[in-house]
Structures are given as structure tokens and as C-alpha cells.
PDB file of N, CA and C in Angstrom:
ATOM      1  N   MET A   1       0.832  -1.188   0.000  1.00  0.00           N
ATOM      2  CA  MET A   1       0.000   0.000   0.000  1.00  0.00           C
ATOM      3  C   MET A   1       0.871   1.244   0.000  1.00  0.00           C
ATOM      4  N   PHE A   2       0.239   2.363  -0.237  1.00  0.00           N
ATOM      5  CA  PHE A   2       0.920   3.645  -0.346  1.00  0.00           C
ATOM      6  C   PHE A   2       0.637   4.471   0.907  1.00  0.00           C
ATOM      7  N   VAL A   3       1.614   5.217   1.365  1.00  0.00           N
ATOM      8  CA  VAL A   3       1.465   6.080   2.541  1.00  0.00           C
ATOM      9  C   VAL A   3       1.652   7.519   2.102  1.00  0.00           C
ATOM     10  N   CYS A   4       0.733   8.412   2.483  1.00  0.00           N
ATOM     11  CA  CYS A   4       0.844   9.828   2.132  1.00  0.00           C
ATOM     12  C   CYS A   4       1.925  10.490   2.991  1.00  0.00           C
ATOM     13  N   PRO A   5       2.337  11.710   2.668  1.00  0.00           N
ATOM     14  CA  PRO A   5       3.374  12.395   3.451  1.00  0.00           C
ATOM     15  C   PRO A   5       3.011  12.590   4.925  1.00  0.00           C
ATOM     16  N   ALA A   6       1.717  12.600   5.241  1.00  0.00           N
ATOM     17  CA  ALA A   6       1.286  12.767   6.635  1.00  0.00           C
ATOM     18  C   ALA A   6       1.261  11.435   7.383  1.00  0.00           C
ATOM     19  N   GLY A   7       1.491  10.316   6.687  1.00  0.00           N
ATOM     20  CA  GLY A   7       1.537   9.013   7.332  1.00  0.00           C
ATOM     21  C   GLY A   7       0.261   8.206   7.269  1.00  0.00           C
ATOM     22  N   HIS A   8      -0.720   8.623   6.459  1.00  0.00           N
ATOM     23  CA  HIS A   8      -1.976   7.883   6.333  1.00  0.00           C
ATOM     24  C   HIS A   8      -1.872   6.856   5.215  1.00  0.00           C
ATOM     25  N   LEU A   9      -2.436   5.671   5.453  1.00  0.00           N
ATOM     26  CA  LEU A   9      -2.439   4.601   4.457  1.00  0.00           C
ATOM     27  C   LEU A   9      -3.574   4.788   3.454  1.00  0.00           C
ATOM     28  N   ALA A  10      -3.335   4.380   2.219  1.00  0.00           N
ATOM     29  CA  ALA A  10      -4.375   4.405   1.195  1.00  0.00           C
ATOM     30  C   ALA A  10      -5.458   3.396   1.573  1.00  0.00           C
ATOM     31  N   ILE A  11      -6.711   3.712   1.250  1.00  0.00           N
ATOM     32  CA  ILE A  11      -7.808   2.799   1.582  1.00  0.00           C
ATOM     33  C   ILE A  11      -8.055   1.788   0.474  1.00  0.00           C
ATOM     34  N   ARG A  12      -7.643   2.109  -0.759  1.00  0.00           N
ATOM     35  CA  ARG A  12      -7.757   1.155  -1.853  1.00  0.00           C
ATOM     36  C   ARG A  12      -6.839   1.587  -2.986  1.00  0.00           C
ATOM     37  N   LYS A  13      -6.625   0.666  -3.939  1.00  0.00           N
ATOM     38  CA  LYS A  13      -5.851   0.999  -5.123  1.00  0.00           C
ATOM     39  C   LYS A  13      -6.538   0.419  -6.343  1.00  0.00           C
ATOM     40  N   ALA A  14      -6.272   1.016  -7.486  1.00  0.00           N
ATOM     41  CA  ALA A  14      -6.888   0.567  -8.728  1.00  0.00           C
ATOM     42  C   ALA A  14      -5.877   0.717  -9.856  1.00  0.00           C
ATOM     43  N   ARG A  15      -6.083  -0.064 -10.903  1.00  0.00           N
ATOM     44  CA  ARG A  15      -5.234   0.039 -12.089  1.00  0.00           C
ATOM     45  C   ARG A  15      -5.937   0.891 -13.129  1.00  0.00           C
ATOM     46  N   GLN A  16      -5.142   1.698 -13.835  1.00  0.00           N
ATOM     47  CA  GLN A  16      -5.673   2.482 -14.937  1.00  0.00           C
ATOM     48  C   GLN A  16      -4.726   2.378 -16.111  1.00  0.00           C
ATOM     49  N   GLY A  17      -5.236   2.509 -17.299  1.00  0.00           N
ATOM     50  CA  GLY A  17      -4.404   2.454 -18.489  1.00  0.00           C
ATOM     51  C   GLY A  17      -4.093   1.040 -18.926  1.00  0.00           C
ATOM     52  N   GLU A  18      -3.064   0.925 -19.741  1.00  0.00           N
ATOM     53  CA  GLU A  18      -2.684  -0.369 -20.286  1.00  0.00           C
ATOM     54  C   GLU A  18      -1.911  -1.199 -19.273  1.00  0.00           C
ATOM     55  N   LYS A  19      -1.977  -2.511 -19.435  1.00  0.00           N
ATOM     56  CA  LYS A  19      -1.249  -3.403 -18.545  1.00  0.00           C
ATOM     57  C   LYS A  19       0.247  -3.322 -18.821  1.00  0.00           C
ATOM     58  N   ASN A  20       1.035  -3.454 -17.771  1.00  0.00           N
ATOM     59  CA  ASN A  20       2.491  -3.528 -17.852  1.00  0.00           C
ATOM     60  C   ASN A  20       3.131  -2.331 -18.555  1.00  0.00           C
ATOM     61  N   VAL A  21       2.501  -1.167 -18.479  1.00  0.00           N
ATOM     62  CA  VAL A  21       3.070   0.023 -19.097  1.00  0.00           C
ATOM     63  C   VAL A  21       3.212   1.101 -18.031  1.00  0.00           C
ATOM     64  N   GLY A  22       4.444   1.374 -17.615  1.00  0.00           N
ATOM     65  CA  GLY A  22       4.704   2.453 -16.674  1.00  0.00           C
ATOM     66  C   GLY A  22       3.942   2.340 -15.373  1.00  0.00           C
ATOM     67  N   LYS A  23       3.632   3.482 -14.804  1.00  0.00           N
ATOM     68  CA  LYS A  23       2.923   3.540 -13.525  1.00  0.00           C
ATOM     69  C   LYS A  23       1.427   3.636 -13.785  1.00  0.00           C
ATOM     70  N   ASN A  24       0.726   2.550 -13.562  1.00  0.00           N
ATOM     71  CA  ASN A  24      -0.710   2.537 -13.809  1.00  0.00           C
ATOM     72  C   ASN A  24      -1.513   2.302 -12.539  1.00  0.00           C
ATOM     73  N   GLN A  25      -0.901   2.437 -11.372  1.00  0.00           N
ATOM     74  CA  GLN A  25      -1.604   2.276 -10.103  1.00  0.00           C
ATOM     75  C   GLN A  25      -2.104   3.644  -9.610  1.00  0.00           C
ATOM     76  N   VAL A  26      -3.333   3.685  -9.132  1.00  0.00           N
ATOM     77  CA  VAL A  26      -3.893   4.883  -8.518  1.00  0.00           C
ATOM     78  C   VAL A  26      -4.299   4.503  -7.105  1.00  0.00           C
ATOM     79  N   TYR A  27      -3.866   5.276  -6.128  1.00  0.00           N
ATOM     80  CA  TYR A  27      -4.165   5.021  -4.717  1.00  0.00           C
ATOM     81  C   TYR A  27      -5.180   6.046  -4.230  1.00  0.00           C
ATOM     82  N   TYR A  28      -6.166   5.590  -3.460  1.00  0.00           N
ATOM     83  CA  TYR A  28      -7.229   6.456  -2.955  1.00  0.00           C
ATOM     84  C   TYR A  28      -7.130   6.563  -1.441  1.00  0.00           C
ATOM     85  N   PHE A  29      -7.405   7.765  -0.926  1.00  0.00           N
ATOM     86  CA  PHE A  29      -7.304   8.041   0.496  1.00  0.00           C
ATOM     87  C   PHE A  29      -8.642   8.488   1.060  1.00  0.00           C
ATOM     88  N   ASP A  30      -8.804   8.317   2.362  1.00  0.00           N
ATOM     89  CA  ASP A  30     -10.014   8.714   3.078  1.00  0.00           C
ATOM     90  C   ASP A  30     -10.014  10.232   3.247  1.00  0.00           C
ATOM     91  N   VAL A  31     -10.982  10.927   2.629  1.00  0.00           N
ATOM     92  CA  VAL A  31     -11.002  12.390   2.696  1.00  0.00           C
ATOM     93  C   VAL A  31     -11.360  12.905   4.091  1.00  0.00           C
ATOM     94  N   GLU A  32     -11.951  12.069   4.930  1.00  0.00           N
ATOM     95  CA  GLU A  32     -12.224  12.502   6.304  1.00  0.00           C
ATOM     96  C   GLU A  32     -10.912  12.806   7.025  1.00  0.00           C
ATOM     97  N   LYS A  33      -9.891  12.016   6.771  1.00  0.00           N
ATOM     98  CA  LYS A  33      -8.574  12.281   7.352  1.00  0.00           C
ATOM     99  C   LYS A  33      -7.914  13.468   6.673  1.00  0.00           C
ATOM    100  N   CYS A  34      -8.114  13.607   5.365  1.00  0.00           N
ATOM    101  CA  CYS A  34      -7.516  14.707   4.607  1.00  0.00           C
ATOM    102  C   CYS A  34      -8.062  16.066   5.049  1.00  0.00           C
ATOM    103  N   ARG A  35      -9.325  16.105   5.420  1.00  0.00           N
ATOM    104  CA  ARG A  35      -9.941  17.379   5.824  1.00  0.00           C
ATOM    105  C   ARG A  35      -9.305  17.965   7.079  1.00  0.00           C
ATOM    106  N   THR A  36      -8.804  17.117   7.955  1.00  0.00           N
ATOM    107  CA  THR A  36      -8.222  17.598   9.208  1.00  0.00           C
ATOM    108  C   THR A  36      -6.695  17.544   9.206  1.00  0.00           C
ATOM    109  N   CYS A  37      -6.105  17.143   8.103  1.00  0.00           N
ATOM    110  CA  CYS A  37      -4.654  16.985   8.008  1.00  0.00           C
ATOM    111  C   CYS A  37      -3.964  18.349   7.945  1.00  0.00           C
ATOM    112  N   PRO A  38      -2.836  18.512   8.644  1.00  0.00           N
ATOM    113  CA  PRO A  38      -2.112  19.791   8.580  1.00  0.00           C
ATOM    114  C   PRO A  38      -1.459  20.027   7.210  1.00  0.00           C
ATOM    115  N   LEU A  39      -1.318  18.996   6.391  1.00  0.00           N
ATOM    116  CA  LEU A  39      -0.714  19.141   5.062  1.00  0.00           C
ATOM    117  C   LEU A  39      -1.754  19.259   3.954  1.00  0.00           C
ATOM    118  N   ARG A  40      -3.021  19.458   4.301  1.00  0.00           N
ATOM    119  CA  ARG A  40      -4.101  19.448   3.317  1.00  0.00           C
ATOM    120  C   ARG A  40      -3.992  20.547   2.270  1.00  0.00           C
ATOM    121  N   ASP A  41      -3.334  21.665   2.565  1.00  0.00           N
ATOM    122  CA  ASP A  41      -3.217  22.752   1.598  1.00  0.00           C
ATOM    123  C   ASP A  41      -2.466  22.322   0.342  1.00  0.00           C
ATOM    124  N   ASN A  42      -1.604  21.314   0.460  1.00  0.00           N
ATOM    125  CA  ASN A  42      -0.812  20.852  -0.671  1.00  0.00           C
ATOM    126  C   ASN A  42      -1.521  19.830  -1.544  1.00  0.00           C
ATOM    127  N   CYS A  43      -2.521  19.109  -1.003  1.00  0.00           N
ATOM    128  CA  CYS A  43      -3.082  18.026  -1.817  1.00  0.00           C
ATOM    129  C   CYS A  43      -4.602  17.903  -1.786  1.00  0.00           C
ATOM    130  N   TYR A  44      -5.292  18.424  -0.791  1.00  0.00           N
ATOM    131  CA  TYR A  44      -6.742  18.224  -0.675  1.00  0.00           C
ATOM    132  C   TYR A  44      -7.501  19.404  -1.263  1.00  0.00           C
ATOM    133  N   LYS A  45      -8.516  19.115  -2.080  1.00  0.00           N
ATOM    134  CA  LYS A  45      -9.381  20.160  -2.621  1.00  0.00           C
ATOM    135  C   LYS A  45     -10.734  20.060  -1.924  1.00  0.00           C
ATOM    136  N   ALA A  46     -11.236  21.178  -1.434  1.00  0.00           N
ATOM    137  CA  ALA A  46     -12.497  21.206  -0.695  1.00  0.00           C
ATOM    138  C   ALA A  46     -13.638  20.643  -1.543  1.00  0.00           C
ATOM    139  N   GLY A  47     -14.460  19.807  -0.933  1.00  0.00           N
ATOM    140  CA  GLY A  47     -15.605  19.204  -1.601  1.00  0.00           C
ATOM    141  C   GLY A  47     -15.307  17.894  -2.305  1.00  0.00           C
ATOM    142  N   ALA A  48     -14.069  17.447  -2.279  1.00  0.00           N
ATOM    143  CA  ALA A  48     -13.707  16.190  -2.949  1.00  0.00           C
ATOM    144  C   ALA A  48     -14.303  15.003  -2.205  1.00  0.00           C
ATOM    145  N   LYS A  49     -14.738  13.996  -2.966  1.00  0.00           N
ATOM    146  CA  LYS A  49     -15.284  12.787  -2.353  1.00  0.00           C
ATOM    147  C   LYS A  49     -14.206  11.730  -2.121  1.00  0.00           C
ATOM    148  N   THR A  50     -13.167  11.748  -2.964  1.00  0.00           N
ATOM    149  CA  THR A  50     -12.019  10.858  -2.791  1.00  0.00           C
ATOM    150  C   THR A  50     -10.763  11.651  -3.117  1.00  0.00           C
ATOM    151  N   LYS A  51      -9.633  11.145  -2.670  1.00  0.00           N
ATOM    152  CA  LYS A  51      -8.348  11.771  -2.933  1.00  0.00           C
ATOM    153  C   LYS A  51      -7.456  10.750  -3.612  1.00  0.00           C
ATOM    154  N   PRO A  52      -7.358  10.799  -4.968  1.00  0.00           N
ATOM    155  CA  PRO A  52      -6.490   9.843  -5.662  1.00  0.00           C
ATOM    156  C   PRO A  52      -5.068  10.390  -5.827  1.00  0.00           C
ATOM    157  N   ILE A  53      -4.097   9.504  -5.793  1.00  0.00           N
ATOM    158  CA  ILE A  53      -2.706   9.841  -6.072  1.00  0.00           C
ATOM    159  C   ILE A  53      -2.164   8.797  -7.017  1.00  0.00           C
ATOM    160  N   ARG A  54      -1.497   9.238  -8.067  1.00  0.00           N
ATOM    161  CA  ARG A  54      -0.907   8.318  -9.050  1.00  0.00           C
ATOM    162  C   ARG A  54       0.534   8.109  -8.782  1.00  0.00           C
TER     163      ARG A  54
END
């Protein structure tokens, strides 16, 4: 799993794009934790339902 800079674990991951080509993993985070995170200004957008990172 993937860990964000604040130390939170991704809640799920998914594949996007073609198989076996570069980085095709997308990691999703719990926005409830993102809303209260001190680092939210760098990655969280208000009103988002999920927070994906590629």
C-alpha cells in the first residue's frame, strides 16, 4: 500500500491504463482524514469525495 506524506495509508488501489506500461496504479485516500490533516493545503481540494494519487 501507499502512505501519504502525513503518514496515512491508502484505503484502496486501482489500475488504470494499459497493462504492464509504466505507472498505472492509482491510490485512494479517506477524505475525512484529509480534511483535518495539517498538510491538506498541498493536496486536498475542498468538496472532494475521494483523494487519488498516481
